Amino acid sequence: MVVNDWVEYIKQILNFAWHGYEYICPIFIPARKSNRLEQIDKKILGKYPACEWDKYKKYKAKKSGLANYVYLRWELCGAILHTPGKVVELEDPDIFFHLSERPYQFSVGSWISIKIGKARTGKKYTAYLTKESFRGIKVVLRENIKHQRWDGFKKYYSRLENLPAFSGILSQTDELYRFFRNELKQYKTKVAINKLKLKKVY
């Protein structure tokens, strides 16, 4: 399955992970191969034909103790996921990781990277900003406050509302709100911030 939006990509990975596809093999396609994406998709599907099985075949495979597979891609980022069960035997096997043990990470542009892993509460898995992205955002906002660049601070802070409201990202932006609300209190400024309203994803 190829999707055109990185938020939809996250949604699809989470949806499959919630339904038992918890083993993941990340695929990062080099930019120089961007004109060969369809060929790459076909090669992967040829290697894992179970990705294209219908619901009936997947049901039979599960009953027989076999792993079911799915392939997802957004631009140059892809992932093969499979359920528990006997995996397909290949001459050049790929390396799969369990999402609860090793979160899946991918970049979205120059300042945002996403981590899909265990949720702190609620559903089993969710999406977060990676530590590097979270710290980077925090540093930029603090620099604007430190140098009292209030317009820059408000502009950058408001941009965070473009982030999708997955539970992990929601908890992180709530943390940013509390932190910078307290930071602003240390300055004699009328600048105030509201809790961020992220984009709905479901």
Protein backbone atom coordinates (compact mmCIF):
# COMPACT_ATOMS: atom_id res chain seq x y z
CA MET A 1 0.00 0.00 0.00
CA VAL A 2 1.40 3.36 -1.06
CA VAL A 3 0.13 6.50 0.70
CA ASN A 4 0.67 10.14 -0.27
CA ASP A 5 0.72 11.65 3.20
CA TRP A 6 3.05 11.02 6.15
CA VAL A 7 0.22 11.27 8.67
CA GLU A 8 -1.71 8.60 6.78
CA TYR A 9 1.48 6.53 6.75
CA ILE A 10 1.61 6.67 10.54
CA LYS A 11 -2.10 5.84 10.80
CA GLN A 12 -1.71 2.78 8.60
CA ILE A 13 1.31 1.48 10.55
CA LEU A 14 -0.51 1.98 13.85
CA ASN A 15 -3.68 0.37 12.53
CA PHE A 16 -1.81 -2.74 11.45
CA ALA A 17 0.26 -2.81 14.65
CA TRP A 18 -2.94 -2.67 16.74
CA HIS A 19 -4.16 -5.69 14.75
CA GLY A 20 -1.11 -7.80 15.48
CA TYR A 21 1.39 -6.69 12.82
CA GLU A 22 3.99 -5.88 15.46
CA TYR A 23 7.14 -7.03 13.67
CA ILE A 24 8.59 -4.42 11.34
CA CYS A 25 11.38 -4.19 8.79
CA PRO A 26 12.19 -0.54 7.97
CA ILE A 27 12.99 0.34 4.37
CA PHE A 28 14.76 3.60 3.51
CA ILE A 29 15.07 4.20 -0.21
CA PRO A 30 18.01 6.38 -1.36
CA ALA A 31 17.02 9.63 -3.09
CA ARG A 32 18.96 8.55 -6.18
CA LYS A 33 16.42 5.74 -6.63
CA SER A 34 13.35 8.00 -6.41
CA ASN A 35 12.62 7.38 -10.10
CA ARG A 36 12.45 3.63 -9.49
CA LEU A 37 9.85 3.47 -6.73
CA GLU A 38 7.37 1.32 -8.63
CA GLN A 39 10.09 -1.21 -9.47
CA ILE A 40 11.15 -1.29 -5.82
CA ASP A 41 7.54 -1.84 -4.73
CA LYS A 42 7.16 -4.72 -7.19
CA LYS A 43 10.43 -6.29 -6.03
CA ILE A 44 9.31 -6.22 -2.39
CA LEU A 45 5.87 -7.60 -3.22
CA GLY A 46 7.52 -10.32 -5.30
CA LYS A 47 9.63 -11.23 -2.29
CA TYR A 48 6.61 -11.18 0.05
CA PRO A 49 3.57 -12.17 -2.05
CA ALA A 50 1.58 -12.65 1.18
CA CYS A 51 1.38 -8.83 1.34
CA GLU A 52 -1.24 -8.98 -1.41
CA TRP A 53 -3.34 -11.82 -0.02
CA ASP A 54 -7.03 -11.13 0.50
CA LYS A 55 -8.78 -11.45 3.88
CA TYR A 56 -9.70 -15.08 3.26
CA LYS A 57 -6.12 -16.13 2.54
CA LYS A 58 -4.86 -14.18 5.54
CA TYR A 59 -7.45 -15.88 7.74
CA LYS A 60 -6.36 -19.32 6.50
CA ALA A 61 -2.70 -18.45 7.04
CA LYS A 62 -3.38 -17.34 10.61
CA LYS A 63 -5.30 -20.56 11.32
CA SER A 64 -2.35 -22.54 9.96
CA GLY A 65 0.11 -20.74 12.22
CA LEU A 66 1.70 -18.70 9.41
CA ALA A 67 2.66 -15.05 9.68
CA ASN A 68 0.69 -12.53 7.62
CA TYR A 69 2.47 -9.63 5.90
CA VAL A 70 1.76 -6.09 4.75
CA TYR A 71 3.88 -3.56 2.87
CA LEU A 72 3.48 0.19 3.32
CA ARG A 73 5.33 3.10 1.73
CA TRP A 74 5.28 6.89 1.87
CA GLU A 75 7.68 8.57 -0.54
CA LEU A 76 11.15 7.16 0.28
CA CYS A 77 10.10 5.57 3.59
CA GLY A 78 8.69 2.07 3.64
CA ALA A 79 8.02 -0.76 6.04
CA ILE A 80 7.19 -4.45 5.85
CA LEU A 81 5.18 -5.67 8.84
CA HIS A 82 4.15 -9.14 9.87
CA THR A 83 2.12 -10.88 12.54
CA PRO A 84 3.34 -13.62 14.89
CA GLY A 85 3.66 -17.02 13.25
CA LYS A 86 5.94 -18.99 10.99
CA VAL A 87 7.74 -16.55 8.71
CA VAL A 88 8.54 -17.04 5.05
CA GLU A 89 11.95 -18.65 4.44
CA LEU A 90 14.18 -16.61 2.12
CA GLU A 91 17.74 -16.89 0.85
CA ASP A 92 18.35 -13.25 1.82
CA PRO A 93 16.08 -12.74 4.84
CA ASP A 94 15.30 -9.23 6.03
CA ILE A 95 15.71 -8.20 9.66
CA PHE A 96 12.48 -7.54 11.54
CA PHE A 97 12.17 -5.89 14.95
CA HIS A 98 9.33 -6.00 17.43
CA LEU A 99 7.84 -2.53 17.84
CA SER A 100 7.73 -2.85 21.62
CA GLU A 101 11.48 -3.51 21.72
CA ARG A 102 12.73 -1.21 18.96
CA PRO A 103 10.51 1.70 17.85
CA TYR A 104 10.33 2.59 14.18
CA GLN A 105 11.69 6.02 13.24
CA PHE A 106 11.55 8.09 10.07
CA SER A 107 12.08 11.73 9.10
CA VAL A 108 9.50 14.19 7.86
CA GLY A 109 11.44 17.10 6.38
CA SER A 110 14.34 18.84 8.08
CA TRP A 111 12.96 19.52 11.55
CA ILE A 112 10.54 16.70 12.34
CA SER A 113 11.31 13.03 12.91
CA ILE A 114 8.72 10.54 14.12
CA LYS A 115 9.01 7.53 16.41
CA ILE A 116 6.33 4.82 16.49
CA GLY A 117 6.51 2.72 19.61
CA LYS A 118 4.84 1.69 22.85
CA ALA A 119 2.16 4.01 24.18
CA ARG A 120 2.34 5.16 27.77
CA THR A 121 -1.41 4.71 28.23
CA GLY A 122 -4.40 3.60 26.19
CA LYS A 123 -3.71 1.83 22.93
CA LYS A 124 -0.63 -0.37 22.65
CA TYR A 125 1.30 1.82 20.20
CA THR A 126 1.38 5.48 19.25
CA ALA A 127 3.51 8.09 17.48
CA TYR A 128 5.91 10.52 19.14
CA LEU A 129 8.39 13.14 18.07
CA THR A 130 11.85 11.60 18.38
CA LYS A 131 13.99 12.87 21.26
CA GLU A 132 16.14 14.78 18.80
CA SER A 133 13.13 16.55 17.25
CA PHE A 134 11.59 17.32 20.63
CA ARG A 135 14.83 18.76 21.99
CA GLY A 136 15.45 20.71 18.78
CA ILE A 137 12.02 22.37 19.00
CA LYS A 138 12.61 23.17 22.65
CA VAL A 139 16.01 24.75 21.92
CA VAL A 140 14.64 27.00 19.15
CA LEU A 141 11.75 28.20 21.30
CA ARG A 142 14.01 28.84 24.29
CA GLU A 143 16.43 30.83 22.13
CA ASN A 144 13.58 33.06 20.98
CA ILE A 145 12.54 33.64 24.59
CA LYS A 146 16.11 34.23 25.75
CA HIS A 147 16.62 36.96 23.15
CA GLN A 148 13.04 38.22 23.63
CA ARG A 149 12.10 37.62 20.01
CA TRP A 150 8.45 37.37 20.89
CA ASP A 151 7.08 37.38 17.34
CA GLY A 152 9.47 34.61 16.37
CA PHE A 153 8.54 32.63 19.45
CA LYS A 154 4.79 32.91 18.82
CA LYS A 155 5.17 32.08 15.14
CA TYR A 156 7.27 28.99 15.80
CA TYR A 157 5.06 27.86 18.68
CA SER A 158 1.89 28.19 16.59
CA ARG A 159 3.47 26.10 13.82
CA LEU A 160 3.34 23.13 16.18
CA GLU A 161 -0.42 23.03 15.68
CA ASN A 162 0.29 21.47 12.30
CA LEU A 163 1.41 18.32 14.10
CA PRO A 164 -1.03 15.37 14.14
CA ALA A 165 -2.82 14.60 17.39
CA PHE A 166 -1.51 11.10 18.07
CA SER A 167 -1.49 10.47 21.82
CA GLY A 168 2.30 10.42 22.09
CA ILE A 169 2.69 13.75 20.27
CA LEU A 170 -0.17 15.22 22.30
CA SER A 171 1.61 14.39 25.55
CA GLN A 172 4.81 15.99 24.23
CA THR A 173 3.14 19.22 23.10
CA ASP A 174 1.31 19.43 26.44
CA GLU A 175 4.72 19.17 28.09
CA LEU A 176 6.03 21.98 25.86
CA TYR A 177 3.03 24.15 26.74
CA ARG A 178 3.57 23.75 30.49
CA PHE A 179 7.30 24.31 30.18
CA PHE A 180 7.09 27.51 28.12
CA ARG A 181 4.18 28.90 30.10
CA ASN A 182 6.49 28.78 33.12
CA GLU A 183 9.43 30.14 31.10
CA LEU A 184 7.42 33.18 30.00
CA LYS A 185 6.51 33.99 33.60
CA GLN A 186 10.18 34.80 34.24
CA TYR A 187 10.05 37.71 31.77
CA LYS A 188 8.15 40.96 32.05
CA THR A 189 6.14 40.40 28.91
CA LYS A 190 2.50 40.31 27.98
CA VAL A 191 3.15 37.34 25.70
CA ALA A 192 0.87 34.44 26.61
CA ILE A 193 0.38 31.04 25.04
CA ASN A 194 -2.52 28.65 24.87
CA LYS A 195 -2.52 24.90 24.90
CA LEU A 196 -1.84 23.67 21.39
CA LYS A 197 -4.72 22.28 19.32
CA LEU A 198 -3.23 19.66 17.08
CA LYS A 199 -4.75 18.32 13.87
CA LYS A 200 -7.25 15.52 14.40
CA VAL A 201 -6.17 12.20 12.96
CA TYR A 202 -9.28 10.03 13.50
